[in-house]
Amino acid sequence: MPTENHAFLLFRFDTDTTAGGRGFRKQEVQTAYAVVYANSDLTQPLDTFRQALPGTRPSPSGQILTIYPMPPNSLQLYLGKVVGGQTPWPGYRIVVPASQRTFEVRNTELEFKERNDRCDGVYLKQIRFTLNGQLLELPPVHECVVLSK
């Protein structure tokens, strides 16, 4: 098992606001924040990551939520320093108050595989988690998971 690795989940806010589109407007995305939990039940909050917008106070840890321009309206959730296959932050709640939407990320699991080359050690093979109750299995380098209304 690995002694130390880092892992991320990538998300993107859908911005298709045309008729029938389920996207978010820019003003809605600007209100988004993420709450980090110590458990997958989302009952033990550790911190709240807010965007560094004018007038917004930083979280107690100093962490911020960054909405990236490429891919458009994307964000990454840092799963923390992974020790022995366990993430220190197994649950997140992404909140978009201006649109009254919440996305729950639970049961984060990382699958590692031993390397069979000169480098030895292990590598991250797959990331599993549930998003609003739906199980997702992704490779470590993956396209953004789209968040829609």
C-alpha atoms as a PDB file:
ATOM      1  CA  MET A   1       0.000   0.000   0.000  1.00  0.00           C
ATOM      2  CA  PRO A   2       1.127   3.544  -0.587  1.00  0.00           C
ATOM      3  CA  THR A   3       2.804   5.497   2.091  1.00  0.00           C
ATOM      4  CA  GLU A   4       1.619   8.825   0.729  1.00  0.00           C
ATOM      5  CA  ASN A   5      -0.312  10.073  -2.322  1.00  0.00           C
ATOM      6  CA  HIS A   6      -2.587  12.980  -3.208  1.00  0.00           C
ATOM      7  CA  ALA A   7      -5.936  12.677  -4.995  1.00  0.00           C
ATOM      8  CA  PHE A   8      -8.471  15.093  -6.499  1.00  0.00           C
ATOM      9  CA  LEU A   9     -12.025  14.971  -7.852  1.00  0.00           C
ATOM     10  CA  LEU A  10     -12.821  17.263 -10.776  1.00  0.00           C
ATOM     11  CA  PHE A  11     -16.239  18.859 -11.290  1.00  0.00           C
ATOM     12  CA  ARG A  12     -17.693  21.399 -13.713  1.00  0.00           C
ATOM     13  CA  PHE A  13     -20.845  23.455 -13.355  1.00  0.00           C
ATOM     14  CA  ASP A  14     -23.150  23.067 -16.360  1.00  0.00           C
ATOM     15  CA  THR A  15     -23.672  26.525 -17.896  1.00  0.00           C
ATOM     16  CA  ASP A  16     -26.273  25.663 -20.544  1.00  0.00           C
ATOM     17  CA  THR A  17     -29.074  28.054 -19.568  1.00  0.00           C
ATOM     18  CA  THR A  18     -30.909  27.912 -22.900  1.00  0.00           C
ATOM     19  CA  ALA A  19     -34.483  26.596 -23.048  1.00  0.00           C
ATOM     20  CA  GLY A  20     -34.427  23.128 -21.558  1.00  0.00           C
ATOM     21  CA  GLY A  21     -30.877  23.604 -20.275  1.00  0.00           C
ATOM     22  CA  ARG A  22     -30.158  22.725 -16.665  1.00  0.00           C
ATOM     23  CA  GLY A  23     -27.185  25.017 -16.285  1.00  0.00           C
ATOM     24  CA  PHE A  24     -26.132  27.589 -13.746  1.00  0.00           C
ATOM     25  CA  ARG A  25     -25.815  31.296 -14.405  1.00  0.00           C
ATOM     26  CA  LYS A  26     -22.532  33.026 -13.561  1.00  0.00           C
ATOM     27  CA  GLN A  27     -24.125  34.772 -10.576  1.00  0.00           C
ATOM     28  CA  GLU A  28     -25.235  31.387  -9.195  1.00  0.00           C
ATOM     29  CA  VAL A  29     -21.790  29.798  -9.591  1.00  0.00           C
ATOM     30  CA  GLN A  30     -20.270  32.736  -7.719  1.00  0.00           C
ATOM     31  CA  THR A  31     -22.268  31.758  -4.616  1.00  0.00           C
ATOM     32  CA  ALA A  32     -20.938  28.160  -4.563  1.00  0.00           C
ATOM     33  CA  TYR A  33     -18.977  26.823  -1.604  1.00  0.00           C
ATOM     34  CA  ALA A  34     -17.904  23.399  -0.320  1.00  0.00           C
ATOM     35  CA  VAL A  35     -18.171  21.923   3.163  1.00  0.00           C
ATOM     36  CA  VAL A  36     -15.619  19.243   4.090  1.00  0.00           C
ATOM     37  CA  TYR A  37     -16.699  16.453   6.447  1.00  0.00           C
ATOM     38  CA  ALA A  38     -14.797  14.002   8.625  1.00  0.00           C
ATOM     39  CA  ASN A  39     -17.227  11.234   7.712  1.00  0.00           C
ATOM     40  CA  SER A  40     -19.322   9.976   4.792  1.00  0.00           C
ATOM     41  CA  ASP A  41     -22.543  10.599   6.737  1.00  0.00           C
ATOM     42  CA  LEU A  42     -21.864  14.338   6.371  1.00  0.00           C
ATOM     43  CA  THR A  43     -22.560  14.908  10.063  1.00  0.00           C
ATOM     44  CA  GLN A  44     -19.117  16.079  11.253  1.00  0.00           C
ATOM     45  CA  PRO A  45     -18.146  19.255   9.351  1.00  0.00           C
ATOM     46  CA  LEU A  46     -14.461  20.137   9.423  1.00  0.00           C
ATOM     47  CA  ASP A  47     -14.250  23.260   7.308  1.00  0.00           C
ATOM     48  CA  THR A  48     -16.051  25.377   4.722  1.00  0.00           C
ATOM     49  CA  PHE A  49     -14.212  26.385   1.567  1.00  0.00           C
ATOM     50  CA  ARG A  50     -15.524  29.609   0.053  1.00  0.00           C
ATOM     51  CA  GLN A  51     -14.530  31.400  -3.105  1.00  0.00           C
ATOM     52  CA  ALA A  52     -12.131  34.295  -2.705  1.00  0.00           C
ATOM     53  CA  LEU A  53     -14.579  36.962  -3.825  1.00  0.00           C
ATOM     54  CA  PRO A  54     -14.625  40.568  -2.583  1.00  0.00           C
ATOM     55  CA  GLY A  55     -16.111  40.691   0.912  1.00  0.00           C
ATOM     56  CA  THR A  56     -15.821  36.932   1.545  1.00  0.00           C
ATOM     57  CA  ARG A  57     -13.959  35.846   4.665  1.00  0.00           C
ATOM     58  CA  PRO A  58     -11.543  32.911   4.255  1.00  0.00           C
ATOM     59  CA  SER A  59     -12.256  29.604   5.953  1.00  0.00           C
ATOM     60  CA  PRO A  60     -10.661  28.908   9.351  1.00  0.00           C
ATOM     61  CA  SER A  61      -7.973  26.809   7.642  1.00  0.00           C
ATOM     62  CA  GLY A  62      -7.325  29.473   5.026  1.00  0.00           C
ATOM     63  CA  GLN A  63      -8.438  27.108   2.241  1.00  0.00           C
ATOM     64  CA  ILE A  64     -10.506  28.549  -0.594  1.00  0.00           C
ATOM     65  CA  LEU A  65     -12.717  27.081  -3.287  1.00  0.00           C
ATOM     66  CA  THR A  66     -11.441  28.061  -6.710  1.00  0.00           C
ATOM     67  CA  ILE A  67     -13.684  28.053  -9.781  1.00  0.00           C
ATOM     68  CA  TYR A  68     -11.293  27.609 -12.695  1.00  0.00           C
ATOM     69  CA  PRO A  69     -11.704  29.171 -16.145  1.00  0.00           C
ATOM     70  CA  MET A  70     -10.406  26.042 -17.937  1.00  0.00           C
ATOM     71  CA  PRO A  71     -12.354  23.893 -18.298  1.00  0.00           C
ATOM     72  CA  PRO A  72     -14.994  26.606 -17.846  1.00  0.00           C
ATOM     73  CA  ASN A  73     -16.617  26.802 -14.402  1.00  0.00           C
ATOM     74  CA  SER A  74     -14.679  23.818 -13.067  1.00  0.00           C
ATOM     75  CA  LEU A  75     -13.527  23.070  -9.546  1.00  0.00           C
ATOM     76  CA  GLN A  76     -11.463  20.374  -7.922  1.00  0.00           C
ATOM     77  CA  LEU A  77     -11.989  18.847  -4.523  1.00  0.00           C
ATOM     78  CA  TYR A  78      -8.770  17.844  -2.854  1.00  0.00           C
ATOM     79  CA  LEU A  79      -9.229  14.491  -1.160  1.00  0.00           C
ATOM     80  CA  GLY A  80      -6.220  15.185   0.990  1.00  0.00           C
ATOM     81  CA  LYS A  81      -3.008  13.341   1.590  1.00  0.00           C
ATOM     82  CA  VAL A  82      -3.879   9.678   1.171  1.00  0.00           C
ATOM     83  CA  VAL A  83      -2.221   7.334   3.633  1.00  0.00           C
ATOM     84  CA  GLY A  84      -2.833   3.606   3.308  1.00  0.00           C
ATOM     85  CA  GLY A  85      -5.627   4.102   0.768  1.00  0.00           C
ATOM     86  CA  GLN A  86      -7.805   6.181   3.100  1.00  0.00           C
ATOM     87  CA  THR A  87      -8.648   9.796   2.418  1.00  0.00           C
ATOM     88  CA  PRO A  88      -8.704  12.115   5.428  1.00  0.00           C
ATOM     89  CA  TRP A  89     -11.828  13.830   4.059  1.00  0.00           C
ATOM     90  CA  PRO A  90     -14.352  11.167   2.953  1.00  0.00           C
ATOM     91  CA  GLY A  91     -17.288  13.537   2.452  1.00  0.00           C
ATOM     92  CA  TYR A  92     -18.079  16.872   0.823  1.00  0.00           C
ATOM     93  CA  ARG A  93     -21.162  18.936   0.241  1.00  0.00           C
ATOM     94  CA  ILE A  94     -21.036  21.396  -2.668  1.00  0.00           C
ATOM     95  CA  VAL A  95     -23.651  24.092  -2.115  1.00  0.00           C
ATOM     96  CA  VAL A  96     -24.982  26.625  -4.640  1.00  0.00           C
ATOM     97  CA  PRO A  97     -27.295  28.752  -2.485  1.00  0.00           C
ATOM     98  CA  ALA A  98     -28.419  31.093  -5.279  1.00  0.00           C
ATOM     99  CA  SER A  99     -29.982  28.132  -7.096  1.00  0.00           C
ATOM    100  CA  GLN A 100     -30.924  26.129  -3.976  1.00  0.00           C
ATOM    101  CA  ARG A 101     -28.845  23.143  -5.158  1.00  0.00           C
ATOM    102  CA  THR A 102     -26.691  20.825  -3.095  1.00  0.00           C
ATOM    103  CA  PHE A 103     -24.384  18.048  -4.289  1.00  0.00           C
ATOM    104  CA  GLU A 104     -23.283  15.403  -1.797  1.00  0.00           C
ATOM    105  CA  VAL A 105     -20.017  13.528  -2.330  1.00  0.00           C
ATOM    106  CA  ARG A 106     -19.819  10.476  -0.067  1.00  0.00           C
ATOM    107  CA  ASN A 107     -18.032   7.157   0.411  1.00  0.00           C
ATOM    108  CA  THR A 108     -14.836   8.183  -1.336  1.00  0.00           C
ATOM    109  CA  GLU A 109     -12.636   5.138  -1.986  1.00  0.00           C
ATOM    110  CA  LEU A 110      -9.333   4.932  -3.787  1.00  0.00           C
ATOM    111  CA  GLU A 111      -8.086   1.753  -5.456  1.00  0.00           C
ATOM    112  CA  PHE A 112      -4.349   1.296  -5.793  1.00  0.00           C
ATOM    113  CA  LYS A 113      -2.417  -1.173  -7.920  1.00  0.00           C
ATOM    114  CA  GLU A 114       1.179  -2.308  -7.561  1.00  0.00           C
ATOM    115  CA  ARG A 115       3.563  -1.166 -10.249  1.00  0.00           C
ATOM    116  CA  ASN A 116       5.348  -3.813 -12.280  1.00  0.00           C
ATOM    117  CA  ASP A 117       8.174  -1.674 -13.593  1.00  0.00           C
ATOM    118  CA  ARG A 118      11.476  -0.204 -12.472  1.00  0.00           C
ATOM    119  CA  CYS A 119       9.763   2.365 -10.270  1.00  0.00           C
ATOM    120  CA  ASP A 120       8.116  -0.147  -7.929  1.00  0.00           C
ATOM    121  CA  GLY A 121       5.566   1.148  -5.449  1.00  0.00           C
ATOM    122  CA  VAL A 122       1.899   1.653  -6.269  1.00  0.00           C
ATOM    123  CA  TYR A 123      -0.250   3.946  -8.371  1.00  0.00           C
ATOM    124  CA  LEU A 124      -3.814   5.180  -8.085  1.00  0.00           C
ATOM    125  CA  LYS A 125      -5.942   3.021 -10.375  1.00  0.00           C
ATOM    126  CA  GLN A 126      -9.490   4.183  -9.670  1.00  0.00           C
ATOM    127  CA  ILE A 127     -11.568   6.625  -7.618  1.00  0.00           C
ATOM    128  CA  ARG A 128     -15.025   5.573  -6.399  1.00  0.00           C
ATOM    129  CA  PHE A 129     -17.571   7.813  -4.717  1.00  0.00           C
ATOM    130  CA  THR A 130     -21.259   8.553  -4.661  1.00  0.00           C
ATOM    131  CA  LEU A 131     -22.651  11.830  -5.962  1.00  0.00           C
ATOM    132  CA  ASN A 132     -26.159  12.411  -4.629  1.00  0.00           C
ATOM    133  CA  GLY A 133     -26.516   8.658  -4.143  1.00  0.00           C
ATOM    134  CA  GLN A 134     -25.233   7.630  -7.589  1.00  0.00           C
ATOM    135  CA  LEU A 135     -22.059   5.503  -7.583  1.00  0.00           C
ATOM    136  CA  LEU A 136     -19.329   6.835  -9.874  1.00  0.00           C
ATOM    137  CA  GLU A 137     -16.082   5.052 -10.740  1.00  0.00           C
ATOM    138  CA  LEU A 138     -13.441   7.172 -12.428  1.00  0.00           C
ATOM    139  CA  PRO A 139      -9.808   6.839 -13.429  1.00  0.00           C
ATOM    140  CA  PRO A 140      -7.448   9.127 -11.465  1.00  0.00           C
ATOM    141  CA  VAL A 141      -7.104  11.467 -14.453  1.00  0.00           C
ATOM    142  CA  HIS A 142     -10.677  12.027 -15.573  1.00  0.00           C
ATOM    143  CA  GLU A 143     -12.973  14.421 -17.333  1.00  0.00           C
ATOM    144  CA  CYS A 144     -14.892  16.771 -15.079  1.00  0.00           C
ATOM    145  CA  VAL A 145     -18.090  15.401 -13.563  1.00  0.00           C
ATOM    146  CA  VAL A 146     -20.820  17.809 -14.681  1.00  0.00           C
ATOM    147  CA  LEU A 147     -23.025  19.352 -11.999  1.00  0.00           C
ATOM    148  CA  SER A 148     -26.457  20.435 -13.306  1.00  0.00           C
ATOM    149  CA  LYS A 149     -29.614  21.863 -11.733  1.00  0.00           C
END
